[in-house]
């Protein structure tokens, strides 16, 4: 046994029960039919020394536009990451995402990420279309997730 074993997460628990809709106390229980199982990759419950929180979810195909997350802000920095599932063309997301920052709409069709400084109003976040599965991760620069205040 290594003295660093405690730093590894090998069983990722479901994170959906911990998440709430940003505009209420309603628990997110797979609100969209094309969401996979949301999993914690890291947080202070899994590794007490962790000062970040990270989740991961697969987004499955859908040709119906869908709103996923309502506008909100956090008191910590956050990075949202979306990665296409085509190993032969990792830059092609295979989907079209819409995402607002301070009310300005952005359309995303390639793999990438966005840095959201603490206090920045962000979202709505949703999908115009999803042609093939892609991965979505949220990295919060805080030891645990805290729902943000909407405006």
N, C-alpha and C. Protein backbone atom coordinates (compact mmCIF):
# COMPACT_ATOMS: atom_id res chain seq x y z
N UNK A 1 0.85 -1.18 0.00
CA UNK A 1 0.00 0.00 0.00
C UNK A 1 0.90 1.25 0.00
N UNK A 2 0.57 2.20 -0.85
CA UNK A 2 1.33 3.44 -0.98
C UNK A 2 0.79 4.48 0.00
N UNK A 3 1.65 5.37 0.43
CA UNK A 3 1.18 6.45 1.30
C UNK A 3 0.33 7.46 0.53
N UNK A 4 0.25 7.32 -0.80
CA UNK A 4 -0.54 8.23 -1.63
C UNK A 4 -1.85 7.61 -2.11
N UNK A 5 -2.16 6.41 -1.70
CA UNK A 5 -3.41 5.76 -2.14
C UNK A 5 -4.63 6.62 -1.85
N UNK A 6 -4.63 7.36 -0.77
CA UNK A 6 -5.78 8.19 -0.37
C UNK A 6 -6.08 9.30 -1.39
N UNK A 7 -5.14 9.59 -2.28
CA UNK A 7 -5.31 10.67 -3.25
C UNK A 7 -6.00 10.21 -4.54
N UNK A 8 -6.17 8.89 -4.70
CA UNK A 8 -6.78 8.34 -5.90
C UNK A 8 -8.27 8.13 -5.69
N UNK A 9 -9.05 8.45 -6.72
CA UNK A 9 -10.48 8.15 -6.74
C UNK A 9 -10.67 7.08 -7.80
N UNK A 10 -11.07 5.90 -7.38
CA UNK A 10 -11.26 4.79 -8.33
C UNK A 10 -12.73 4.39 -8.45
N UNK A 11 -13.55 4.89 -7.58
CA UNK A 11 -15.01 4.66 -7.65
C UNK A 11 -15.69 6.01 -7.58
N UNK A 12 -16.14 6.45 -8.74
CA UNK A 12 -16.74 7.77 -8.83
C UNK A 12 -18.21 7.68 -8.45
N UNK A 13 -18.62 8.36 -7.37
CA UNK A 13 -20.03 8.33 -7.00
C UNK A 13 -20.88 9.22 -7.89
N UNK A 14 -22.15 8.90 -7.99
CA UNK A 14 -23.10 9.70 -8.75
C UNK A 14 -23.21 11.07 -8.09
N UNK A 15 -23.17 12.13 -8.90
CA UNK A 15 -23.22 13.49 -8.36
C UNK A 15 -24.60 14.14 -8.50
N UNK A 16 -25.54 13.49 -9.16
CA UNK A 16 -26.80 14.15 -9.45
C UNK A 16 -27.60 14.48 -8.19
N UNK A 17 -27.53 13.66 -7.15
CA UNK A 17 -28.29 13.92 -5.93
C UNK A 17 -27.77 15.15 -5.20
N UNK A 18 -26.52 15.52 -5.42
CA UNK A 18 -25.94 16.68 -4.76
C UNK A 18 -26.22 17.98 -5.52
N UNK A 19 -26.56 17.87 -6.77
CA UNK A 19 -26.80 19.05 -7.58
C UNK A 19 -28.23 19.53 -7.41
N UNK A 20 -28.42 20.83 -7.44
CA UNK A 20 -29.75 21.41 -7.41
C UNK A 20 -29.88 22.32 -8.61
N UNK A 21 -31.11 22.51 -9.06
CA UNK A 21 -31.32 23.48 -10.14
C UNK A 21 -30.85 24.83 -9.65
N UNK A 22 -30.20 25.56 -10.48
CA UNK A 22 -29.60 26.82 -10.07
C UNK A 22 -30.65 27.85 -9.64
N UNK A 23 -31.91 27.68 -10.06
CA UNK A 23 -32.93 28.67 -9.74
C UNK A 23 -33.88 28.21 -8.64
N UNK A 24 -33.60 27.08 -7.98
CA UNK A 24 -34.48 26.59 -6.92
C UNK A 24 -33.75 25.54 -6.11
N UNK A 25 -34.44 24.93 -5.16
CA UNK A 25 -33.87 23.85 -4.37
C UNK A 25 -34.19 22.49 -4.97
N UNK A 26 -34.76 22.47 -6.17
CA UNK A 26 -35.14 21.23 -6.83
C UNK A 26 -33.91 20.41 -7.18
N UNK A 27 -33.89 19.16 -6.76
CA UNK A 27 -32.78 18.27 -7.06
C UNK A 27 -32.83 17.88 -8.53
N UNK A 28 -31.68 17.88 -9.19
CA UNK A 28 -31.60 17.46 -10.58
C UNK A 28 -31.65 15.94 -10.65
N UNK A 29 -32.71 15.40 -11.19
CA UNK A 29 -32.80 13.95 -11.36
C UNK A 29 -32.96 13.66 -12.84
N UNK A 30 -31.83 13.76 -13.54
CA UNK A 30 -31.80 13.53 -14.98
C UNK A 30 -32.91 14.31 -15.67
N UNK A 31 -32.81 15.64 -15.62
CA UNK A 31 -33.87 16.48 -16.18
C UNK A 31 -33.99 16.40 -17.69
N UNK A 32 -32.94 15.94 -18.37
CA UNK A 32 -32.99 15.83 -19.82
C UNK A 32 -32.81 14.37 -20.21
N UNK A 33 -33.53 13.92 -21.22
CA UNK A 33 -33.44 12.51 -21.60
C UNK A 33 -32.09 12.11 -22.19
N UNK A 34 -31.27 13.08 -22.61
CA UNK A 34 -30.00 12.72 -23.22
C UNK A 34 -28.80 12.88 -22.29
N UNK A 35 -29.04 13.07 -20.99
CA UNK A 35 -27.94 13.15 -20.03
C UNK A 35 -27.59 11.77 -19.52
N UNK A 36 -26.30 11.48 -19.48
CA UNK A 36 -25.84 10.24 -18.87
C UNK A 36 -25.76 10.40 -17.36
N UNK A 37 -25.12 9.46 -16.71
CA UNK A 37 -24.95 9.53 -15.26
C UNK A 37 -23.87 10.54 -14.92
N UNK A 38 -24.19 11.50 -14.08
CA UNK A 38 -23.21 12.47 -13.63
C UNK A 38 -22.37 11.88 -12.51
N UNK A 39 -21.06 12.03 -12.62
CA UNK A 39 -20.14 11.42 -11.65
C UNK A 39 -19.19 12.45 -11.07
N UNK A 40 -18.89 12.31 -9.78
CA UNK A 40 -17.84 13.11 -9.15
C UNK A 40 -16.50 12.52 -9.55
N UNK A 41 -15.61 13.33 -10.05
CA UNK A 41 -14.23 12.90 -10.30
C UNK A 41 -13.36 13.25 -9.10
N UNK A 42 -13.68 14.40 -8.46
CA UNK A 42 -12.87 14.85 -7.32
C UNK A 42 -13.68 15.85 -6.51
N UNK A 43 -13.55 15.79 -5.21
CA UNK A 43 -14.02 16.81 -4.28
C UNK A 43 -13.48 16.48 -2.90
N UNK A 44 -13.74 17.34 -1.94
CA UNK A 44 -13.16 17.14 -0.61
C UNK A 44 -13.81 16.00 0.16
N UNK A 45 -14.99 15.53 -0.26
CA UNK A 45 -15.57 14.34 0.36
C UNK A 45 -14.81 13.09 -0.06
N UNK A 46 -14.32 13.07 -1.30
CA UNK A 46 -13.59 11.91 -1.81
C UNK A 46 -12.13 11.91 -1.38
N UNK A 47 -11.52 13.09 -1.44
CA UNK A 47 -10.12 13.26 -1.03
C UNK A 47 -10.09 14.51 -0.14
N UNK A 48 -10.02 14.34 1.17
CA UNK A 48 -10.11 15.49 2.08
C UNK A 48 -9.15 16.64 1.76
N UNK A 49 -7.99 16.36 1.20
CA UNK A 49 -7.04 17.42 0.87
C UNK A 49 -7.43 18.21 -0.38
N UNK A 50 -8.39 17.72 -1.16
CA UNK A 50 -8.76 18.35 -2.42
C UNK A 50 -9.31 19.76 -2.20
N UNK A 51 -8.87 20.67 -3.00
CA UNK A 51 -9.35 22.05 -2.97
C UNK A 51 -10.09 22.39 -4.25
N UNK A 52 -10.45 21.34 -5.01
CA UNK A 52 -11.24 21.51 -6.23
C UNK A 52 -12.41 20.53 -6.20
N UNK A 53 -13.35 20.78 -7.07
CA UNK A 53 -14.49 19.91 -7.24
C UNK A 53 -14.64 19.69 -8.74
N UNK A 54 -14.77 18.43 -9.18
CA UNK A 54 -14.89 18.18 -10.61
C UNK A 54 -15.91 17.08 -10.87
N UNK A 55 -16.78 17.35 -11.83
CA UNK A 55 -17.79 16.37 -12.25
C UNK A 55 -17.60 16.03 -13.71
N UNK A 56 -18.25 14.94 -14.12
CA UNK A 56 -18.13 14.44 -15.49
C UNK A 56 -19.47 13.81 -15.87
N UNK A 57 -19.91 14.05 -17.09
CA UNK A 57 -21.16 13.47 -17.58
C UNK A 57 -21.06 13.30 -19.10
N UNK A 58 -21.63 12.22 -19.60
CA UNK A 58 -21.75 12.02 -21.05
C UNK A 58 -23.07 12.66 -21.50
N UNK A 59 -23.02 13.36 -22.62
CA UNK A 59 -24.21 13.92 -23.24
C UNK A 59 -24.49 13.08 -24.47
N UNK A 60 -25.69 12.53 -24.56
CA UNK A 60 -26.06 11.62 -25.64
C UNK A 60 -26.80 12.36 -26.76
N UNK A 61 -26.87 11.74 -27.95
CA UNK A 61 -27.51 12.40 -29.09
C UNK A 61 -28.96 12.83 -28.83
N UNK A 62 -29.30 13.96 -29.45
CA UNK A 62 -30.66 14.49 -29.43
C UNK A 62 -30.77 15.52 -30.53
N UNK A 63 -31.87 15.51 -31.24
CA UNK A 63 -32.06 16.55 -32.25
C UNK A 63 -33.07 17.59 -31.77
N UNK A 64 -33.47 17.48 -30.50
CA UNK A 64 -34.37 18.46 -29.89
C UNK A 64 -33.55 19.50 -29.12
N UNK A 65 -33.74 20.78 -29.35
CA UNK A 65 -33.07 21.79 -28.53
C UNK A 65 -33.47 21.61 -27.06
N UNK A 66 -32.51 21.74 -26.16
CA UNK A 66 -32.77 21.51 -24.74
C UNK A 66 -32.01 22.51 -23.88
N UNK A 67 -32.71 23.11 -22.93
CA UNK A 67 -32.10 23.95 -21.92
C UNK A 67 -31.68 23.05 -20.77
N UNK A 68 -30.43 23.17 -20.32
CA UNK A 68 -29.93 22.33 -19.24
C UNK A 68 -29.77 23.12 -17.94
N UNK A 69 -29.02 24.23 -17.98
CA UNK A 69 -28.69 24.97 -16.75
C UNK A 69 -29.14 26.42 -16.90
N UNK A 70 -29.80 26.93 -15.88
CA UNK A 70 -30.28 28.31 -15.86
C UNK A 70 -29.17 29.28 -15.45
N UNK A 71 -29.35 30.59 -15.71
CA UNK A 71 -28.32 31.58 -15.34
C UNK A 71 -28.05 31.58 -13.83
N UNK A 72 -26.77 31.74 -13.48
CA UNK A 72 -26.35 31.79 -12.08
C UNK A 72 -24.92 32.31 -11.99
N UNK A 73 -24.45 32.51 -10.78
CA UNK A 73 -23.06 32.89 -10.54
C UNK A 73 -22.59 32.18 -9.28
N UNK A 74 -21.28 31.99 -9.17
CA UNK A 74 -20.68 31.35 -8.01
C UNK A 74 -19.69 32.32 -7.36
N UNK A 75 -19.35 32.04 -6.11
CA UNK A 75 -18.33 32.84 -5.43
C UNK A 75 -16.94 32.22 -5.59
N UNK A 76 -16.78 31.33 -6.56
CA UNK A 76 -15.50 30.72 -6.89
C UNK A 76 -15.36 30.63 -8.40
N UNK A 77 -14.12 30.50 -8.88
CA UNK A 77 -13.85 30.34 -10.30
C UNK A 77 -14.29 28.94 -10.75
N UNK A 78 -14.62 28.83 -12.03
CA UNK A 78 -15.08 27.56 -12.58
C UNK A 78 -14.56 27.42 -14.01
N UNK A 79 -14.30 26.19 -14.42
CA UNK A 79 -13.94 25.89 -15.80
C UNK A 79 -14.93 24.83 -16.29
N UNK A 80 -15.58 25.09 -17.41
CA UNK A 80 -16.46 24.11 -18.06
C UNK A 80 -15.70 23.55 -19.26
N UNK A 81 -15.80 22.23 -19.44
CA UNK A 81 -15.01 21.54 -20.46
C UNK A 81 -15.94 20.63 -21.26
N UNK A 82 -15.85 20.68 -22.58
CA UNK A 82 -16.63 19.79 -23.43
C UNK A 82 -15.68 19.18 -24.44
N UNK A 83 -15.76 17.85 -24.57
CA UNK A 83 -14.80 17.13 -25.40
C UNK A 83 -15.55 16.15 -26.30
N UNK A 84 -15.35 16.26 -27.61
CA UNK A 84 -15.97 15.35 -28.57
C UNK A 84 -15.51 13.92 -28.38
N UNK A 85 -16.32 12.98 -28.84
CA UNK A 85 -16.03 11.57 -28.65
C UNK A 85 -15.44 10.87 -29.86
N UNK A 86 -14.99 11.63 -30.87
CA UNK A 86 -14.40 11.02 -32.06
C UNK A 86 -12.88 11.01 -31.93
N UNK A 87 -12.25 9.84 -31.66
CA UNK A 87 -10.80 9.82 -31.48
C UNK A 87 -10.03 10.18 -32.74
N UNK A 88 -10.67 10.08 -33.91
CA UNK A 88 -10.00 10.44 -35.16
C UNK A 88 -10.06 11.95 -35.43
N UNK A 89 -10.95 12.66 -34.76
CA UNK A 89 -11.04 14.11 -34.88
C UNK A 89 -11.49 14.68 -33.54
N UNK A 90 -10.58 14.76 -32.56
CA UNK A 90 -10.95 15.19 -31.22
C UNK A 90 -11.42 16.64 -31.11
N UNK A 91 -11.18 17.44 -32.14
CA UNK A 91 -11.64 18.83 -32.09
C UNK A 91 -13.12 18.96 -32.44
N UNK A 92 -13.68 17.98 -33.15
CA UNK A 92 -15.08 18.02 -33.57
C UNK A 92 -15.96 17.58 -32.41
N UNK A 93 -16.76 18.50 -31.88
CA UNK A 93 -17.62 18.20 -30.74
C UNK A 93 -18.75 17.25 -31.11
N UNK A 94 -19.24 17.35 -32.34
CA UNK A 94 -20.38 16.52 -32.74
C UNK A 94 -21.68 17.03 -32.15
N UNK A 95 -21.71 18.32 -31.82
CA UNK A 95 -22.88 18.92 -31.19
C UNK A 95 -22.80 20.43 -31.34
N UNK A 96 -23.91 21.08 -31.02
CA UNK A 96 -23.93 22.54 -30.95
C UNK A 96 -24.49 22.91 -29.58
N UNK A 97 -23.67 23.61 -28.81
CA UNK A 97 -24.03 24.07 -27.46
C UNK A 97 -24.28 25.56 -27.51
N UNK A 98 -25.26 26.04 -26.73
CA UNK A 98 -25.38 27.48 -26.52
C UNK A 98 -25.05 27.77 -25.06
N UNK A 99 -24.34 28.88 -24.86
CA UNK A 99 -23.86 29.22 -23.52
C UNK A 99 -23.70 30.73 -23.43
N UNK A 100 -24.28 31.33 -22.40
CA UNK A 100 -24.21 32.78 -22.21
C UNK A 100 -23.24 33.14 -21.10
N UNK A 101 -22.52 34.24 -21.29
CA UNK A 101 -21.70 34.86 -20.25
C UNK A 101 -22.15 36.31 -20.15
N UNK A 102 -22.64 36.68 -18.96
CA UNK A 102 -23.16 38.04 -18.72
C UNK A 102 -24.14 38.45 -19.82
N UNK A 103 -25.00 37.51 -20.24
CA UNK A 103 -26.04 37.79 -21.22
C UNK A 103 -25.59 37.72 -22.67
N UNK A 104 -24.31 37.51 -22.93
CA UNK A 104 -23.80 37.41 -24.30
C UNK A 104 -23.78 35.94 -24.73
N UNK A 105 -24.48 35.63 -25.81
CA UNK A 105 -24.62 34.25 -26.30
C UNK A 105 -23.38 33.80 -27.06
N UNK A 106 -22.96 32.57 -26.78
CA UNK A 106 -21.86 31.92 -27.49
C UNK A 106 -22.36 30.59 -28.04
N UNK A 107 -21.98 30.27 -29.27
CA UNK A 107 -22.33 29.01 -29.90
C UNK A 107 -21.05 28.19 -30.01
N UNK A 108 -21.10 26.95 -29.52
CA UNK A 108 -19.92 26.10 -29.44
C UNK A 108 -20.13 24.86 -30.28
N UNK A 109 -19.19 24.57 -31.19
CA UNK A 109 -19.28 23.37 -32.04
C UNK A 109 -17.98 22.57 -32.04
N UNK A 110 -16.97 23.03 -31.30
CA UNK A 110 -15.69 22.32 -31.23
C UNK A 110 -15.38 21.98 -29.78
N UNK A 111 -14.54 20.97 -29.58
CA UNK A 111 -14.09 20.65 -28.23
C UNK A 111 -13.39 21.87 -27.66
N UNK A 112 -13.49 22.06 -26.36
CA UNK A 112 -12.84 23.20 -25.73
C UNK A 112 -13.27 23.38 -24.29
N UNK A 113 -13.07 24.60 -23.80
CA UNK A 113 -13.39 24.92 -22.43
C UNK A 113 -13.62 26.42 -22.29
N UNK A 114 -14.15 26.82 -21.13
CA UNK A 114 -14.33 28.23 -20.83
C UNK A 114 -14.00 28.44 -19.35
N UNK A 115 -13.27 29.50 -19.06
CA UNK A 115 -12.95 29.89 -17.70
C UNK A 115 -13.96 30.94 -17.27
N UNK A 116 -14.58 30.72 -16.12
CA UNK A 116 -15.60 31.63 -15.61
C UNK A 116 -15.11 32.20 -14.27
N UNK A 117 -14.70 33.45 -14.24
CA UNK A 117 -14.24 34.04 -12.98
C UNK A 117 -15.36 34.10 -11.94
N UNK A 118 -15.00 34.02 -10.67
CA UNK A 118 -15.96 34.13 -9.58
C UNK A 118 -16.81 35.38 -9.76
N UNK A 119 -18.10 35.25 -9.50
CA UNK A 119 -19.02 36.38 -9.59
C UNK A 119 -19.58 36.66 -10.97
N UNK A 120 -19.12 35.94 -11.99
CA UNK A 120 -19.57 36.16 -13.36
C UNK A 120 -20.89 35.43 -13.61
N UNK A 121 -21.90 36.16 -14.09
CA UNK A 121 -23.17 35.55 -14.45
C UNK A 121 -22.95 34.69 -15.69
N UNK A 122 -23.32 33.42 -15.61
CA UNK A 122 -23.16 32.52 -16.76
C UNK A 122 -24.37 31.61 -16.88
N UNK A 123 -24.57 31.14 -18.11
CA UNK A 123 -25.72 30.36 -18.53
C UNK A 123 -26.84 31.32 -18.88
N UNK A 124 -27.85 30.88 -19.61
CA UNK A 124 -28.24 29.49 -19.78
C UNK A 124 -27.23 28.70 -20.61
N UNK A 125 -27.25 27.39 -20.35
CA UNK A 125 -26.45 26.41 -21.05
C UNK A 125 -27.41 25.36 -21.57
N UNK A 126 -27.26 25.02 -22.83
CA UNK A 126 -28.11 23.98 -23.40
C UNK A 126 -27.56 23.50 -24.72
N UNK A 127 -28.35 22.67 -25.36
CA UNK A 127 -27.94 22.02 -26.61
C UNK A 127 -28.93 22.35 -27.70
N UNK A 128 -28.42 22.85 -28.83
CA UNK A 128 -29.25 23.03 -30.02
C UNK A 128 -29.46 21.68 -30.68
N UNK A 129 -28.37 20.88 -30.73
CA UNK A 129 -28.43 19.52 -31.25
C UNK A 129 -27.21 18.77 -30.74
N UNK A 130 -27.34 17.46 -30.64
CA UNK A 130 -26.22 16.59 -30.29
C UNK A 130 -26.24 15.43 -31.28
N UNK A 131 -25.26 15.40 -32.18
CA UNK A 131 -25.20 14.38 -33.23
C UNK A 131 -24.58 13.07 -32.74
N UNK A 132 -23.64 13.15 -31.80
CA UNK A 132 -23.01 11.96 -31.23
C UNK A 132 -22.56 12.31 -29.81
N UNK A 133 -22.37 11.30 -28.98
CA UNK A 133 -22.03 11.57 -27.58
C UNK A 133 -20.76 12.41 -27.42
N UNK A 134 -20.78 13.27 -26.40
CA UNK A 134 -19.58 14.00 -26.00
C UNK A 134 -19.53 14.08 -24.48
N UNK A 135 -18.35 14.40 -23.97
CA UNK A 135 -18.14 14.49 -22.53
C UNK A 135 -18.21 15.94 -22.08
N UNK A 136 -18.84 16.15 -20.93
CA UNK A 136 -18.94 17.47 -20.33
C UNK A 136 -18.43 17.38 -18.90
N UNK A 137 -17.51 18.27 -18.54
CA UNK A 137 -16.99 18.30 -17.18
C UNK A 137 -17.04 19.72 -16.65
N UNK A 138 -17.24 19.82 -15.34
CA UNK A 138 -17.19 21.11 -14.66
C UNK A 138 -16.14 21.02 -13.56
N UNK A 139 -15.20 21.95 -13.58
CA UNK A 139 -14.14 22.02 -12.59
C UNK A 139 -14.34 23.30 -11.79
N UNK A 140 -14.69 23.14 -10.52
CA UNK A 140 -14.88 24.29 -9.63
C UNK A 140 -13.65 24.45 -8.76
N UNK A 141 -13.16 25.67 -8.65
CA UNK A 141 -11.99 25.92 -7.83
C UNK A 141 -12.46 26.19 -6.39
N UNK A 142 -13.11 25.16 -5.86
CA UNK A 142 -13.63 25.13 -4.50
C UNK A 142 -13.70 23.66 -4.11
N UNK A 143 -13.59 23.32 -2.83
CA UNK A 143 -13.56 21.91 -2.43
C UNK A 143 -14.88 21.17 -2.62
N UNK A 144 -15.99 21.90 -2.75
CA UNK A 144 -17.27 21.25 -2.98
C UNK A 144 -18.14 22.17 -3.83
N UNK A 145 -19.14 21.56 -4.48
CA UNK A 145 -20.05 22.33 -5.34
C UNK A 145 -21.04 23.08 -4.48
N UNK A 146 -21.28 24.34 -4.83
CA UNK A 146 -22.32 25.13 -4.19
C UNK A 146 -23.13 25.79 -5.29
N UNK A 147 -24.44 25.56 -5.24
CA UNK A 147 -25.32 26.18 -6.24
C UNK A 147 -25.16 27.69 -6.17
N UNK A 148 -25.19 28.32 -7.33
CA UNK A 148 -25.00 29.76 -7.39
C UNK A 148 -26.31 30.52 -7.37
N UNK A 149 -26.19 31.81 -7.19
CA UNK A 149 -27.35 32.69 -7.21
C UNK A 149 -27.64 33.10 -8.65
N UNK A 150 -28.89 33.04 -9.05
CA UNK A 150 -29.29 33.50 -10.38
C UNK A 150 -29.66 34.95 -10.35
N UNK A 151 -29.73 35.57 -11.49
CA UNK A 151 -30.16 36.97 -11.61
C UNK A 151 -31.31 37.05 -12.56
